[in-house]
Amino acid sequence: MKQKHIESLGDNHISSSTETPLRADAFDKSDAEKMKRIEEHFHIIMEELGLDLTDDSLSGTPYRVAKMYVKELFYGLNPKNKPRLSVFENKYGYKKMLIEQNITINSTCEHHFLPITGHAHIAYLPKDKVVGLSKINRLVDYYSHRPQVQERLCLQILKDLQETLETEDVIVVINTRHLCVSSRGIKDKDSFTTTIEYGGCFNDNMHRNEFFNCLKSELKQ
């Protein structure tokens, strides 16, 4: 009964905060210490699956998984790895919509630790500040590289950009495919998930429609 309850909770996208749930001691250990512990634990998992870790093909897998978790897939958990968002004075007085779209997302579902892949489309109306375009991509990559729920990912990107640009006029759309849907459970390989978060002027239909029309026109090319 307990297992069924846990499984049902894992299929619900619920969270008490837009912050990724982390323990207070999350960064007390060094990356090397974490990798050593993960390697040990994953060695046990592979043994429980009945795999022969003396085989040349498998012997290095626990270390490779540990390194991948700490240094690659989940580097976005550590705030020390957060990219510095360079902002510049809006000297041109540019006041129209600025859109950065088709930003690659490679994330991980926190319920099953399976891949989430897709794209983010982001727009903002500059006020006094503008941000380097590549920095938006780096911010998306940073928040994507942690165990995630798509709704939270969307909100984290939105709130960070709003604070950095000192404007509420930001919109974030994320389209992804979840391997936990396509490879387990219902095994639906064609569906995808869309989340939308926005503030400021994008609460108006006119600005939202302008944004979505720009996305549509690009998709037709």
C-alpha atoms as a PDB file:
ATOM      1  CA  MET A   1       0.000   0.000   0.000  1.00  0.00           C
ATOM      2  CA  LYS A   2       2.851   2.379   0.891  1.00  0.00           C
ATOM      3  CA  GLN A   3       4.604   1.682  -2.427  1.00  0.00           C
ATOM      4  CA  LYS A   4       1.437   2.472  -4.394  1.00  0.00           C
ATOM      5  CA  HIS A   5       1.074   5.752  -2.485  1.00  0.00           C
ATOM      6  CA  ILE A   6       4.692   6.696  -3.265  1.00  0.00           C
ATOM      7  CA  GLU A   7       4.251   5.830  -6.954  1.00  0.00           C
ATOM      8  CA  SER A   8       1.072   7.897  -7.227  1.00  0.00           C
ATOM      9  CA  LEU A   9       2.777  10.892  -5.604  1.00  0.00           C
ATOM     10  CA  GLY A  10       5.665  10.546  -8.040  1.00  0.00           C
ATOM     11  CA  ASP A  11       3.324  10.965 -10.985  1.00  0.00           C
ATOM     12  CA  ASN A  12       1.912  14.220  -9.601  1.00  0.00           C
ATOM     13  CA  HIS A  13       3.833  17.397 -10.290  1.00  0.00           C
ATOM     14  CA  ILE A  14       3.592  18.897  -6.828  1.00  0.00           C
ATOM     15  CA  SER A  15       6.009  21.112  -4.967  1.00  0.00           C
ATOM     16  CA  SER A  16       5.920  23.349  -1.921  1.00  0.00           C
ATOM     17  CA  SER A  17       8.257  25.930  -3.444  1.00  0.00           C
ATOM     18  CA  THR A  18       9.798  27.172  -6.680  1.00  0.00           C
ATOM     19  CA  GLU A  19      13.165  26.358  -5.093  1.00  0.00           C
ATOM     20  CA  THR A  20      14.726  22.959  -5.727  1.00  0.00           C
ATOM     21  CA  PRO A  21      14.351  20.963  -2.476  1.00  0.00           C
ATOM     22  CA  LEU A  22      17.839  20.728  -0.964  1.00  0.00           C
ATOM     23  CA  ARG A  23      19.052  19.770   2.503  1.00  0.00           C
ATOM     24  CA  ALA A  24      20.921  22.336   4.592  1.00  0.00           C
ATOM     25  CA  ASP A  25      24.097  20.245   4.338  1.00  0.00           C
ATOM     26  CA  ALA A  26      23.826  19.743   0.571  1.00  0.00           C
ATOM     27  CA  PHE A  27      27.269  21.208  -0.135  1.00  0.00           C
ATOM     28  CA  ASP A  28      29.204  20.209   2.972  1.00  0.00           C
ATOM     29  CA  LYS A  29      30.950  17.456   1.008  1.00  0.00           C
ATOM     30  CA  SER A  30      33.310  18.139  -1.868  1.00  0.00           C
ATOM     31  CA  ASP A  31      32.509  16.903  -5.371  1.00  0.00           C
ATOM     32  CA  ALA A  32      35.208  14.254  -4.984  1.00  0.00           C
ATOM     33  CA  GLU A  33      33.639  12.983  -1.763  1.00  0.00           C
ATOM     34  CA  LYS A  34      30.195  12.844  -3.346  1.00  0.00           C
ATOM     35  CA  MET A  35      31.528  10.977  -6.364  1.00  0.00           C
ATOM     36  CA  LYS A  36      33.221   8.399  -4.152  1.00  0.00           C
ATOM     37  CA  ARG A  37      30.006   7.723  -2.206  1.00  0.00           C
ATOM     38  CA  ILE A  38      27.824   7.586  -5.325  1.00  0.00           C
ATOM     39  CA  GLU A  39      30.297   5.214  -6.960  1.00  0.00           C
ATOM     40  CA  GLU A  40      30.067   2.892  -3.957  1.00  0.00           C
ATOM     41  CA  HIS A  41      26.269   2.973  -3.904  1.00  0.00           C
ATOM     42  CA  PHE A  42      25.897   2.463  -7.644  1.00  0.00           C
ATOM     43  CA  HIS A  43      28.270  -0.487  -7.435  1.00  0.00           C
ATOM     44  CA  ILE A  44      25.809  -2.046  -4.967  1.00  0.00           C
ATOM     45  CA  ILE A  45      22.827  -1.271  -7.244  1.00  0.00           C
ATOM     46  CA  MET A  46      24.517  -3.004 -10.175  1.00  0.00           C
ATOM     47  CA  GLU A  47      25.352  -5.999  -8.021  1.00  0.00           C
ATOM     48  CA  GLU A  48      21.731  -6.229  -6.864  1.00  0.00           C
ATOM     49  CA  LEU A  49      20.703  -6.317 -10.520  1.00  0.00           C
ATOM     50  CA  GLY A  50      22.933  -9.358 -10.923  1.00  0.00           C
ATOM     51  CA  LEU A  51      25.567  -7.700 -13.104  1.00  0.00           C
ATOM     52  CA  ASP A  52      29.147  -8.978 -13.123  1.00  0.00           C
ATOM     53  CA  LEU A  53      31.309  -5.970 -12.280  1.00  0.00           C
ATOM     54  CA  THR A  54      34.513  -7.895 -12.969  1.00  0.00           C
ATOM     55  CA  ASP A  55      33.637  -7.674 -16.679  1.00  0.00           C
ATOM     56  CA  ASP A  56      35.761  -5.074 -18.481  1.00  0.00           C
ATOM     57  CA  SER A  57      32.665  -3.397 -19.939  1.00  0.00           C
ATOM     58  CA  LEU A  58      31.033  -2.885 -16.524  1.00  0.00           C
ATOM     59  CA  SER A  59      33.937  -2.419 -14.122  1.00  0.00           C
ATOM     60  CA  GLY A  60      34.205   1.343 -14.669  1.00  0.00           C
ATOM     61  CA  THR A  61      30.471   2.051 -14.793  1.00  0.00           C
ATOM     62  CA  PRO A  62      29.957   3.028 -11.123  1.00  0.00           C
ATOM     63  CA  TYR A  63      32.681   5.687 -11.404  1.00  0.00           C
ATOM     64  CA  ARG A  64      31.376   6.964 -14.747  1.00  0.00           C
ATOM     65  CA  VAL A  65      27.839   7.275 -13.346  1.00  0.00           C
ATOM     66  CA  ALA A  66      29.104   9.088 -10.235  1.00  0.00           C
ATOM     67  CA  LYS A  67      31.103  11.565 -12.328  1.00  0.00           C
ATOM     68  CA  MET A  68      28.158  12.085 -14.682  1.00  0.00           C
ATOM     69  CA  TYR A  69      25.774  12.829 -11.804  1.00  0.00           C
ATOM     70  CA  VAL A  70      28.028  15.298  -9.977  1.00  0.00           C
ATOM     71  CA  LYS A  71      29.897  16.996 -12.830  1.00  0.00           C
ATOM     72  CA  GLU A  72      27.428  16.822 -15.712  1.00  0.00           C
ATOM     73  CA  LEU A  73      23.746  15.990 -15.227  1.00  0.00           C
ATOM     74  CA  PHE A  74      23.330  17.751 -11.879  1.00  0.00           C
ATOM     75  CA  TYR A  75      25.955  20.495 -11.925  1.00  0.00           C
ATOM     76  CA  GLY A  76      23.075  22.985 -11.676  1.00  0.00           C
ATOM     77  CA  LEU A  77      22.376  22.004  -8.070  1.00  0.00           C
ATOM     78  CA  ASN A  78      25.402  23.926  -6.829  1.00  0.00           C
ATOM     79  CA  PRO A  79      24.906  27.719  -6.800  1.00  0.00           C
ATOM     80  CA  LYS A  80      28.665  28.106  -7.321  1.00  0.00           C
ATOM     81  CA  ASN A  81      28.091  26.895 -10.886  1.00  0.00           C
ATOM     82  CA  LYS A  82      25.447  29.498 -11.671  1.00  0.00           C
ATOM     83  CA  PRO A  83      26.436  31.559 -14.735  1.00  0.00           C
ATOM     84  CA  ARG A  84      27.040  35.253 -14.226  1.00  0.00           C
ATOM     85  CA  LEU A  85      24.397  37.130 -16.203  1.00  0.00           C
ATOM     86  CA  SER A  86      26.056  40.143 -17.793  1.00  0.00           C
ATOM     87  CA  VAL A  87      23.589  42.988 -18.179  1.00  0.00           C
ATOM     88  CA  PHE A  88      24.179  46.167 -20.131  1.00  0.00           C
ATOM     89  CA  GLU A  89      22.637  49.590 -20.189  1.00  0.00           C
ATOM     90  CA  ASN A  90      19.923  49.809 -22.834  1.00  0.00           C
ATOM     91  CA  LYS A  91      21.741  52.614 -24.675  1.00  0.00           C
ATOM     92  CA  TYR A  92      19.748  52.150 -27.871  1.00  0.00           C
ATOM     93  CA  GLY A  93      16.497  52.691 -26.027  1.00  0.00           C
ATOM     94  CA  TYR A  94      15.188  49.445 -27.534  1.00  0.00           C
ATOM     95  CA  LYS A  95      11.674  48.916 -26.160  1.00  0.00           C
ATOM     96  CA  LYS A  96      10.249  46.177 -28.368  1.00  0.00           C
ATOM     97  CA  MET A  97      10.109  42.469 -27.681  1.00  0.00           C
ATOM     98  CA  LEU A  98      13.366  40.531 -27.689  1.00  0.00           C
ATOM     99  CA  ILE A  99      12.980  36.788 -28.244  1.00  0.00           C
ATOM    100  CA  GLU A 100      15.451  33.942 -27.759  1.00  0.00           C
ATOM    101  CA  GLN A 101      13.900  30.684 -28.951  1.00  0.00           C
ATOM    102  CA  ASN A 102      14.684  27.009 -29.494  1.00  0.00           C
ATOM    103  CA  ILE A 103      17.051  26.937 -26.515  1.00  0.00           C
ATOM    104  CA  THR A 104      18.031  23.317 -25.959  1.00  0.00           C
ATOM    105  CA  ILE A 105      16.885  21.688 -22.734  1.00  0.00           C
ATOM    106  CA  ASN A 106      18.499  18.537 -21.371  1.00  0.00           C
ATOM    107  CA  SER A 107      17.126  17.892 -17.914  1.00  0.00           C
ATOM    108  CA  THR A 108      16.200  15.020 -15.611  1.00  0.00           C
ATOM    109  CA  CYS A 109      12.833  14.115 -14.140  1.00  0.00           C
ATOM    110  CA  GLU A 110      13.165  14.118 -10.353  1.00  0.00           C
ATOM    111  CA  HIS A 111      10.532  11.383  -9.987  1.00  0.00           C
ATOM    112  CA  HIS A 112      12.293   8.681 -12.009  1.00  0.00           C
ATOM    113  CA  PHE A 113      15.712  10.191 -12.855  1.00  0.00           C
ATOM    114  CA  LEU A 114      14.997   9.830 -16.565  1.00  0.00           C
ATOM    115  CA  PRO A 115      15.752  12.421 -19.275  1.00  0.00           C
ATOM    116  CA  ILE A 116      13.606  15.427 -20.163  1.00  0.00           C
ATOM    117  CA  THR A 117      14.529  16.889 -23.548  1.00  0.00           C
ATOM    118  CA  GLY A 118      13.127  19.782 -25.543  1.00  0.00           C
ATOM    119  CA  HIS A 119      13.336  23.532 -26.004  1.00  0.00           C
ATOM    120  CA  ALA A 120      12.674  26.799 -24.195  1.00  0.00           C
ATOM    121  CA  HIS A 121      11.400  29.994 -25.838  1.00  0.00           C
ATOM    122  CA  ILE A 122      11.931  33.211 -23.899  1.00  0.00           C
ATOM    123  CA  ALA A 123      11.058  36.856 -24.511  1.00  0.00           C
ATOM    124  CA  TYR A 124      11.287  40.099 -22.581  1.00  0.00           C
ATOM    125  CA  LEU A 125      10.647  43.790 -23.117  1.00  0.00           C
ATOM    126  CA  PRO A 126      13.799  45.712 -22.157  1.00  0.00           C
ATOM    127  CA  LYS A 127      13.622  48.672 -19.820  1.00  0.00           C
ATOM    128  CA  ASP A 128      16.913  50.068 -18.541  1.00  0.00           C
ATOM    129  CA  LYS A 129      18.843  46.807 -18.959  1.00  0.00           C
ATOM    130  CA  VAL A 130      19.481  44.165 -21.598  1.00  0.00           C
ATOM    131  CA  VAL A 131      21.225  40.824 -21.151  1.00  0.00           C
ATOM    132  CA  GLY A 132      23.726  39.091 -23.419  1.00  0.00           C
ATOM    133  CA  LEU A 133      21.814  36.574 -25.526  1.00  0.00           C
ATOM    134  CA  SER A 134      24.105  33.635 -24.773  1.00  0.00           C
ATOM    135  CA  LYS A 135      23.561  34.274 -21.055  1.00  0.00           C
ATOM    136  CA  ILE A 136      19.883  33.344 -21.406  1.00  0.00           C
ATOM    137  CA  ASN A 137      20.932  30.004 -22.898  1.00  0.00           C
ATOM    138  CA  ARG A 138      23.404  29.462 -20.062  1.00  0.00           C
ATOM    139  CA  LEU A 139      20.746  30.226 -17.459  1.00  0.00           C
ATOM    140  CA  VAL A 140      18.357  27.692 -19.004  1.00  0.00           C
ATOM    141  CA  ASP A 141      21.144  25.110 -19.093  1.00  0.00           C
ATOM    142  CA  TYR A 142      22.014  25.761 -15.439  1.00  0.00           C
ATOM    143  CA  TYR A 143      18.486  25.297 -14.092  1.00  0.00           C
ATOM    144  CA  SER A 144      17.931  22.320 -16.404  1.00  0.00           C
ATOM    145  CA  HIS A 145      20.905  20.439 -15.008  1.00  0.00           C
ATOM    146  CA  ARG A 146      19.351  19.315 -11.763  1.00  0.00           C
ATOM    147  CA  PRO A 147      16.530  16.882 -10.898  1.00  0.00           C
ATOM    148  CA  GLN A 148      13.520  18.841 -12.107  1.00  0.00           C
ATOM    149  CA  VAL A 149       9.793  19.229 -12.454  1.00  0.00           C
ATOM    150  CA  GLN A 150       8.997  21.134 -15.641  1.00  0.00           C
ATOM    151  CA  GLU A 151       6.656  23.592 -13.938  1.00  0.00           C
ATOM    152  CA  ARG A 152       9.369  24.518 -11.435  1.00  0.00           C
ATOM    153  CA  LEU A 153      11.985  24.843 -14.174  1.00  0.00           C
ATOM    154  CA  CYS A 154       9.761  27.301 -16.017  1.00  0.00           C
ATOM    155  CA  LEU A 155       9.250  29.412 -12.885  1.00  0.00           C
ATOM    156  CA  GLN A 156      12.917  29.382 -11.880  1.00  0.00           C
ATOM    157  CA  ILE A 157      13.997  30.731 -15.265  1.00  0.00           C
ATOM    158  CA  LEU A 158      11.243  33.366 -15.246  1.00  0.00           C
ATOM    159  CA  LYS A 159      11.966  34.654 -11.736  1.00  0.00           C
ATOM    160  CA  ASP A 160      15.720  34.792 -12.291  1.00  0.00           C
ATOM    161  CA  LEU A 161      15.373  36.806 -15.491  1.00  0.00           C
ATOM    162  CA  GLN A 162      12.834  39.154 -13.916  1.00  0.00           C
ATOM    163  CA  GLU A 163      15.225  39.869 -11.042  1.00  0.00           C
ATOM    164  CA  THR A 164      18.256  40.242 -13.311  1.00  0.00           C
ATOM    165  CA  LEU A 165      16.535  42.541 -15.822  1.00  0.00           C
ATOM    166  CA  GLU A 166      14.577  44.382 -13.117  1.00  0.00           C
ATOM    167  CA  THR A 167      11.335  43.991 -15.031  1.00  0.00           C
ATOM    168  CA  GLU A 168       8.270  41.758 -14.784  1.00  0.00           C
ATOM    169  CA  ASP A 169       7.918  41.798 -18.593  1.00  0.00           C
ATOM    170  CA  VAL A 170       9.234  38.283 -19.228  1.00  0.00           C
ATOM    171  CA  ILE A 171       7.626  35.171 -20.718  1.00  0.00           C
ATOM    172  CA  VAL A 172       8.968  31.604 -20.697  1.00  0.00           C
ATOM    173  CA  VAL A 173       7.570  28.691 -22.706  1.00  0.00           C
ATOM    174  CA  ILE A 174       9.020  25.186 -22.417  1.00  0.00           C
ATOM    175  CA  ASN A 175       8.175  22.249 -24.722  1.00  0.00           C
ATOM    176  CA  THR A 176       9.647  18.876 -23.758  1.00  0.00           C
ATOM    177  CA  ARG A 177       9.364  15.142 -24.033  1.00  0.00           C
ATOM    178  CA  HIS A 178       9.672  13.071 -20.850  1.00  0.00           C
ATOM    179  CA  LEU A 179      11.317   9.672 -21.086  1.00  0.00           C
ATOM    180  CA  CYS A 180       9.396   8.612 -17.965  1.00  0.00           C
ATOM    181  CA  VAL A 181       6.263   8.897 -20.131  1.00  0.00           C
ATOM    182  CA  SER A 182       7.670   7.344 -23.311  1.00  0.00           C
ATOM    183  CA  SER A 183       9.688   4.480 -21.794  1.00  0.00           C
ATOM    184  CA  ARG A 184       7.578   3.407 -18.796  1.00  0.00           C
ATOM    185  CA  GLY A 185       3.975   3.496 -17.635  1.00  0.00           C
ATOM    186  CA  ILE A 186       1.783   4.501 -20.570  1.00  0.00           C
ATOM    187  CA  LYS A 187       4.806   4.405 -22.960  1.00  0.00           C
ATOM    188  CA  ASP A 188       3.404   7.196 -25.123  1.00  0.00           C
ATOM    189  CA  LYS A 189       6.204   8.153 -27.501  1.00  0.00           C
ATOM    190  CA  ASP A 190       4.409  10.969 -29.347  1.00  0.00           C
ATOM    191  CA  SER A 191       3.123  13.265 -26.601  1.00  0.00           C
ATOM    192  CA  PHE A 192       4.995  16.301 -25.300  1.00  0.00           C
ATOM    193  CA  THR A 193       4.525  18.725 -22.426  1.00  0.00           C
ATOM    194  CA  THR A 194       4.225  22.526 -22.599  1.00  0.00           C
ATOM    195  CA  THR A 195       4.496  24.928 -19.658  1.00  0.00           C
ATOM    196  CA  ILE A 196       4.042  28.702 -19.816  1.00  0.00           C
ATOM    197  CA  GLU A 197       4.888  31.326 -17.222  1.00  0.00           C
ATOM    198  CA  TYR A 198       4.859  35.111 -17.643  1.00  0.00           C
ATOM    199  CA  GLY A 199       4.431  38.434 -15.913  1.00  0.00           C
ATOM    200  CA  GLY A 200       4.093  42.160 -16.502  1.00  0.00           C
ATOM    201  CA  CYS A 201       2.958  43.185 -19.976  1.00  0.00           C
ATOM    202  CA  PHE A 202       2.573  39.532 -21.002  1.00  0.00           C
ATOM    203  CA  ASN A 203      -0.551  39.373 -18.872  1.00  0.00           C
ATOM    204  CA  ASP A 204      -2.110  41.256 -21.816  1.00  0.00           C
ATOM    205  CA  ASN A 205      -3.367  39.187 -24.728  1.00  0.00           C
ATOM    206  CA  MET A 206      -1.787  41.579 -27.222  1.00  0.00           C
ATOM    207  CA  HIS A 207       1.782  40.954 -26.069  1.00  0.00           C
ATOM    208  CA  ARG A 208       1.280  37.216 -25.579  1.00  0.00           C
ATOM    209  CA  ASN A 209      -0.226  36.877 -29.047  1.00  0.00           C
ATOM    210  CA  GLU A 210       2.652  38.834 -30.585  1.00  0.00           C
ATOM    211  CA  PHE A 211       5.087  36.442 -28.910  1.00  0.00           C
ATOM    212  CA  PHE A 212       3.256  33.303 -29.996  1.00  0.00           C
ATOM    213  CA  ASN A 213       2.819  34.604 -33.548  1.00  0.00           C
ATOM    214  CA  CYS A 214       6.588  35.112 -33.760  1.00  0.00           C
ATOM    215  CA  LEU A 215       7.136  31.520 -32.651  1.00  0.00           C
ATOM    216  CA  LYS A 216       4.647  30.241 -35.241  1.00  0.00           C
ATOM    217  CA  SER A 217       6.224  32.194 -38.090  1.00  0.00           C
ATOM    218  CA  GLU A 218       9.651  30.797 -37.228  1.00  0.00           C
ATOM    219  CA  LEU A 219       8.311  27.229 -37.146  1.00  0.00           C
ATOM    220  CA  LYS A 220       6.857  27.653 -40.652  1.00  0.00           C
ATOM    221  CA  GLN A 221      10.224  28.621 -42.182  1.00  0.00           C
END
